[in-house]
Amino acid sequence: MWEVIIGIPILAAAGFIQVSFFGKIRLLGGTADLIMLCMIAWSINERTRYSWILVFAGGLMMSYLSAMPMNGYLWMYLLIWGIIHFIKLRVWQMPLILMLFVTILGTLIISGGTLALLFLQNASVNYMDAIRRIIVPSLVMNLLIAIPIYAFLNDVVNTIYINEDAE
């Protein structure tokens, strides 16, 4: 249970940092998605039991912080969590490589989902410009900060469960 009690404030802090600091740092039109990276890093750790609660909280938080309709982030984050859960249990056992792989996949899912929702709203979008100016730079920024976030949150999760095991 400590996982949820500590995880939600970490996600809230990541949301505040994403909106205030990383929202101002842009590479062309792309920005980093700290909440997605925190969710991925938290879910990859094999000791976590309640990562789905944090994914749900992070999805609601991003849906509130963004202008995307229909709780789009919530559904995309749950899809990414499902992919992580499937890959972690069945296929892949190297967490750092999995972090980078799911970061790439998650960035593409979120960017593609955003473009799909814009298409459904009949917004005029130049898709090649969106790929060049938003999706690729966002992918680069997410990959640059994925490893430090993984290292930090892996230590936090391991500390939580070491303290639980000691009790």
C-alpha atoms as a PDB file:
ATOM      1  CA  MET A   1       0.000   0.000   0.000  1.00  0.00           C
ATOM      2  CA  TRP A   2       2.975   2.306   0.540  1.00  0.00           C
ATOM      3  CA  GLU A   3       3.529   2.055  -3.187  1.00  0.00           C
ATOM      4  CA  VAL A   4       0.326   3.995  -3.848  1.00  0.00           C
ATOM      5  CA  ILE A   5       0.815   6.439  -0.972  1.00  0.00           C
ATOM      6  CA  ILE A   6       4.285   7.383  -2.236  1.00  0.00           C
ATOM      7  CA  GLY A   7       3.577   6.942  -5.956  1.00  0.00           C
ATOM      8  CA  ILE A   8       0.682   9.381  -6.334  1.00  0.00           C
ATOM      9  CA  PRO A   9       2.622  12.375  -4.934  1.00  0.00           C
ATOM     10  CA  ILE A  10       5.546  11.445  -7.204  1.00  0.00           C
ATOM     11  CA  LEU A  11       3.178  11.435 -10.191  1.00  0.00           C
ATOM     12  CA  ALA A  12       1.689  14.754  -9.067  1.00  0.00           C
ATOM     13  CA  ALA A  13       5.181  16.263  -8.786  1.00  0.00           C
ATOM     14  CA  ALA A  14       6.011  14.874 -12.239  1.00  0.00           C
ATOM     15  CA  GLY A  15       2.840  16.491 -13.583  1.00  0.00           C
ATOM     16  CA  PHE A  16       3.734  19.856 -12.065  1.00  0.00           C
ATOM     17  CA  ILE A  17       7.288  19.632 -13.402  1.00  0.00           C
ATOM     18  CA  GLN A  18       5.989  18.600 -16.821  1.00  0.00           C
ATOM     19  CA  VAL A  19       3.579  21.520 -17.032  1.00  0.00           C
ATOM     20  CA  SER A  20       5.848  24.171 -15.541  1.00  0.00           C
ATOM     21  CA  PHE A  21       9.393  23.248 -16.542  1.00  0.00           C
ATOM     22  CA  PHE A  22       9.318  20.748 -19.399  1.00  0.00           C
ATOM     23  CA  GLY A  23       6.377  22.532 -20.993  1.00  0.00           C
ATOM     24  CA  LYS A  24       8.718  25.446 -21.647  1.00  0.00           C
ATOM     25  CA  ILE A  25      11.556  23.283 -22.955  1.00  0.00           C
ATOM     26  CA  ARG A  26      10.672  22.359 -26.497  1.00  0.00           C
ATOM     27  CA  LEU A  27      12.597  20.622 -29.205  1.00  0.00           C
ATOM     28  CA  LEU A  28      10.848  21.986 -32.298  1.00  0.00           C
ATOM     29  CA  GLY A  29       7.245  21.298 -31.231  1.00  0.00           C
ATOM     30  CA  GLY A  30       7.821  18.219 -29.105  1.00  0.00           C
ATOM     31  CA  THR A  31       7.859  18.016 -25.334  1.00  0.00           C
ATOM     32  CA  ALA A  32       8.699  15.300 -22.829  1.00  0.00           C
ATOM     33  CA  ASP A  33       5.971  13.286 -21.120  1.00  0.00           C
ATOM     34  CA  LEU A  34       7.198  12.827 -17.554  1.00  0.00           C
ATOM     35  CA  ILE A  35       4.030  11.188 -16.291  1.00  0.00           C
ATOM     36  CA  MET A  36       4.233   8.525 -19.000  1.00  0.00           C
ATOM     37  CA  LEU A  37       7.897   7.894 -18.202  1.00  0.00           C
ATOM     38  CA  CYS A  38       7.188   7.641 -14.467  1.00  0.00           C
ATOM     39  CA  MET A  39       4.313   5.274 -15.153  1.00  0.00           C
ATOM     40  CA  ILE A  40       6.492   3.080 -17.371  1.00  0.00           C
ATOM     41  CA  ALA A  41       9.412   3.020 -14.917  1.00  0.00           C
ATOM     42  CA  TRP A  42       7.111   2.213 -12.003  1.00  0.00           C
ATOM     43  CA  SER A  43       5.296  -0.545 -13.903  1.00  0.00           C
ATOM     44  CA  ILE A  44       8.478  -2.222 -15.144  1.00  0.00           C
ATOM     45  CA  ASN A  45       9.783  -2.954 -11.664  1.00  0.00           C
ATOM     46  CA  GLU A  46       9.003  -6.577 -10.835  1.00  0.00           C
ATOM     47  CA  ARG A  47       8.211  -5.799  -7.186  1.00  0.00           C
ATOM     48  CA  THR A  48       5.308  -3.437  -7.851  1.00  0.00           C
ATOM     49  CA  ARG A  49       1.849  -4.756  -7.093  1.00  0.00           C
ATOM     50  CA  TYR A  50      -0.400  -1.720  -7.514  1.00  0.00           C
ATOM     51  CA  SER A  51       1.043  -0.072 -10.602  1.00  0.00           C
ATOM     52  CA  TRP A  52      -2.380  -0.097 -12.279  1.00  0.00           C
ATOM     53  CA  ILE A  53      -3.652   2.344  -9.642  1.00  0.00           C
ATOM     54  CA  LEU A  54      -0.790   4.712 -10.439  1.00  0.00           C
ATOM     55  CA  VAL A  55      -1.451   4.342 -14.166  1.00  0.00           C
ATOM     56  CA  PHE A  56      -5.093   5.209 -13.586  1.00  0.00           C
ATOM     57  CA  ALA A  57      -4.160   8.222 -11.420  1.00  0.00           C
ATOM     58  CA  GLY A  58      -1.563   9.386 -13.950  1.00  0.00           C
ATOM     59  CA  GLY A  59      -4.044   9.026 -16.811  1.00  0.00           C
ATOM     60  CA  LEU A  60      -6.659  11.083 -14.985  1.00  0.00           C
ATOM     61  CA  MET A  61      -4.014  13.661 -14.073  1.00  0.00           C
ATOM     62  CA  MET A  62      -2.829  14.044 -17.676  1.00  0.00           C
ATOM     63  CA  SER A  63      -6.399  14.124 -18.956  1.00  0.00           C
ATOM     64  CA  TYR A  64      -7.015  17.023 -16.586  1.00  0.00           C
ATOM     65  CA  LEU A  65      -3.765  18.824 -17.467  1.00  0.00           C
ATOM     66  CA  SER A  66      -4.158  18.472 -21.231  1.00  0.00           C
ATOM     67  CA  ALA A  67      -6.838  19.590 -23.618  1.00  0.00           C
ATOM     68  CA  MET A  68      -7.392  16.102 -25.021  1.00  0.00           C
ATOM     69  CA  PRO A  69     -11.053  15.070 -24.983  1.00  0.00           C
ATOM     70  CA  MET A  70     -12.676  11.825 -23.840  1.00  0.00           C
ATOM     71  CA  ASN A  71     -10.015  11.001 -21.233  1.00  0.00           C
ATOM     72  CA  GLY A  72      -7.688  10.105 -24.083  1.00  0.00           C
ATOM     73  CA  TYR A  73      -4.581   9.940 -21.937  1.00  0.00           C
ATOM     74  CA  LEU A  74      -6.246   7.592 -19.476  1.00  0.00           C
ATOM     75  CA  TRP A  75      -7.067   5.048 -22.175  1.00  0.00           C
ATOM     76  CA  MET A  76      -3.664   5.358 -23.854  1.00  0.00           C
ATOM     77  CA  TYR A  77      -1.833   4.969 -20.518  1.00  0.00           C
ATOM     78  CA  LEU A  78      -3.911   1.890 -19.706  1.00  0.00           C
ATOM     79  CA  LEU A  79      -3.023   0.460 -23.126  1.00  0.00           C
ATOM     80  CA  ILE A  80       0.684   1.099 -22.469  1.00  0.00           C
ATOM     81  CA  TRP A  81       0.370  -0.523 -19.033  1.00  0.00           C
ATOM     82  CA  GLY A  82      -1.270  -3.561 -20.603  1.00  0.00           C
ATOM     83  CA  ILE A  83       1.572  -3.853 -23.095  1.00  0.00           C
ATOM     84  CA  ILE A  84       4.133  -3.556 -20.286  1.00  0.00           C
ATOM     85  CA  HIS A  85       2.332  -6.169 -18.239  1.00  0.00           C
ATOM     86  CA  PHE A  86       2.155  -8.588 -21.175  1.00  0.00           C
ATOM     87  CA  ILE A  87       5.785  -8.092 -22.233  1.00  0.00           C
ATOM     88  CA  LYS A  88       7.117  -8.229 -18.669  1.00  0.00           C
ATOM     89  CA  LEU A  89       5.351 -11.483 -17.866  1.00  0.00           C
ATOM     90  CA  ARG A  90       5.772 -13.339 -21.123  1.00  0.00           C
ATOM     91  CA  VAL A  91       8.683 -12.073 -23.169  1.00  0.00           C
ATOM     92  CA  TRP A  92      11.231  -9.703 -21.753  1.00  0.00           C
ATOM     93  CA  GLN A  93      13.297  -9.821 -18.585  1.00  0.00           C
ATOM     94  CA  MET A  94      15.770  -6.929 -19.092  1.00  0.00           C
ATOM     95  CA  PRO A  95      14.135  -3.911 -17.438  1.00  0.00           C
ATOM     96  CA  LEU A  96      16.363  -1.130 -18.824  1.00  0.00           C
ATOM     97  CA  ILE A  97      15.964  -2.283 -22.424  1.00  0.00           C
ATOM     98  CA  LEU A  98      12.250  -2.724 -21.762  1.00  0.00           C
ATOM     99  CA  MET A  99      12.114   0.864 -20.465  1.00  0.00           C
ATOM    100  CA  LEU A 100      13.606   2.202 -23.689  1.00  0.00           C
ATOM    101  CA  PHE A 101      11.435  -0.039 -25.883  1.00  0.00           C
ATOM    102  CA  VAL A 102       8.205   0.895 -24.107  1.00  0.00           C
ATOM    103  CA  THR A 103       9.222   4.579 -24.113  1.00  0.00           C
ATOM    104  CA  ILE A 104       9.441   4.450 -27.896  1.00  0.00           C
ATOM    105  CA  LEU A 105       6.210   2.475 -28.172  1.00  0.00           C
ATOM    106  CA  GLY A 106       4.388   4.671 -25.638  1.00  0.00           C
ATOM    107  CA  THR A 107       5.441   7.895 -27.331  1.00  0.00           C
ATOM    108  CA  LEU A 108       4.184   6.556 -30.643  1.00  0.00           C
ATOM    109  CA  ILE A 109       0.900   5.393 -29.073  1.00  0.00           C
ATOM    110  CA  ILE A 110       0.269   8.726 -27.376  1.00  0.00           C
ATOM    111  CA  SER A 111       1.230  10.771 -30.425  1.00  0.00           C
ATOM    112  CA  GLY A 112      -0.793   8.544 -32.741  1.00  0.00           C
ATOM    113  CA  GLY A 113      -3.761   8.637 -30.379  1.00  0.00           C
ATOM    114  CA  THR A 114      -3.587  12.407 -30.180  1.00  0.00           C
ATOM    115  CA  LEU A 115      -3.510  12.686 -33.966  1.00  0.00           C
ATOM    116  CA  ALA A 116      -6.406  10.217 -34.226  1.00  0.00           C
ATOM    117  CA  LEU A 117      -8.510  12.261 -31.787  1.00  0.00           C
ATOM    118  CA  LEU A 118      -7.709  15.415 -33.741  1.00  0.00           C
ATOM    119  CA  PHE A 119      -8.748  13.624 -36.925  1.00  0.00           C
ATOM    120  CA  LEU A 120     -12.040  12.597 -35.310  1.00  0.00           C
ATOM    121  CA  GLN A 121     -12.664  16.247 -34.420  1.00  0.00           C
ATOM    122  CA  ASN A 122     -12.123  17.227 -38.071  1.00  0.00           C
ATOM    123  CA  ALA A 123      -9.063  19.319 -37.262  1.00  0.00           C
ATOM    124  CA  SER A 124      -6.830  20.070 -40.210  1.00  0.00           C
ATOM    125  CA  VAL A 125      -3.459  18.504 -39.461  1.00  0.00           C
ATOM    126  CA  ASN A 126      -0.482  18.127 -41.763  1.00  0.00           C
ATOM    127  CA  TYR A 127       0.616  14.641 -40.714  1.00  0.00           C
ATOM    128  CA  MET A 128       4.134  14.819 -42.142  1.00  0.00           C
ATOM    129  CA  ASP A 129       4.766  18.072 -40.268  1.00  0.00           C
ATOM    130  CA  ALA A 130       3.354  16.494 -37.117  1.00  0.00           C
ATOM    131  CA  ILE A 131       5.744  13.566 -37.464  1.00  0.00           C
ATOM    132  CA  ARG A 132       8.769  15.772 -38.162  1.00  0.00           C
ATOM    133  CA  ARG A 133       8.073  18.580 -35.726  1.00  0.00           C
ATOM    134  CA  ILE A 134       6.277  16.911 -32.844  1.00  0.00           C
ATOM    135  CA  ILE A 135       6.522  13.114 -32.743  1.00  0.00           C
ATOM    136  CA  VAL A 136      10.244  12.638 -33.488  1.00  0.00           C
ATOM    137  CA  PRO A 137      11.402  15.466 -31.161  1.00  0.00           C
ATOM    138  CA  SER A 138       9.112  14.177 -28.396  1.00  0.00           C
ATOM    139  CA  LEU A 139      10.579  10.716 -28.865  1.00  0.00           C
ATOM    140  CA  VAL A 140      14.116  12.077 -28.590  1.00  0.00           C
ATOM    141  CA  MET A 141      13.319  14.050 -25.427  1.00  0.00           C
ATOM    142  CA  ASN A 142      11.561  11.086 -23.830  1.00  0.00           C
ATOM    143  CA  LEU A 143      14.503   8.801 -24.582  1.00  0.00           C
ATOM    144  CA  LEU A 144      16.957  11.330 -23.113  1.00  0.00           C
ATOM    145  CA  ILE A 145      15.228  11.427 -19.751  1.00  0.00           C
ATOM    146  CA  ALA A 146      13.956   7.827 -19.644  1.00  0.00           C
ATOM    147  CA  ILE A 147      17.084   6.330 -18.065  1.00  0.00           C
ATOM    148  CA  PRO A 148      17.444   8.888 -15.219  1.00  0.00           C
ATOM    149  CA  ILE A 149      13.748   8.543 -14.384  1.00  0.00           C
ATOM    150  CA  TYR A 150      14.049   4.746 -14.452  1.00  0.00           C
ATOM    151  CA  ALA A 151      17.069   4.848 -12.143  1.00  0.00           C
ATOM    152  CA  PHE A 152      15.364   7.179  -9.656  1.00  0.00           C
ATOM    153  CA  LEU A 153      12.021   5.370  -9.534  1.00  0.00           C
ATOM    154  CA  ASN A 154      13.647   1.931  -9.441  1.00  0.00           C
ATOM    155  CA  ASP A 155      15.517   3.029  -6.296  1.00  0.00           C
ATOM    156  CA  VAL A 156      12.307   4.451  -4.796  1.00  0.00           C
ATOM    157  CA  VAL A 157      10.356   1.231  -5.422  1.00  0.00           C
ATOM    158  CA  ASN A 158      13.181  -0.962  -4.115  1.00  0.00           C
ATOM    159  CA  THR A 159      13.411   1.198  -0.976  1.00  0.00           C
ATOM    160  CA  ILE A 160       9.659   0.896  -0.406  1.00  0.00           C
ATOM    161  CA  TYR A 161       9.747  -2.889  -0.637  1.00  0.00           C
ATOM    162  CA  ILE A 162      12.950  -3.283   1.386  1.00  0.00           C
ATOM    163  CA  ASN A 163      11.265  -1.367   4.183  1.00  0.00           C
ATOM    164  CA  GLU A 164       8.129  -3.521   3.842  1.00  0.00           C
ATOM    165  CA  ASP A 165      10.172  -6.718   3.891  1.00  0.00           C
ATOM    166  CA  ALA A 166      11.968  -5.561   7.052  1.00  0.00           C
ATOM    167  CA  GLU A 167       8.672  -5.068   8.906  1.00  0.00           C
END
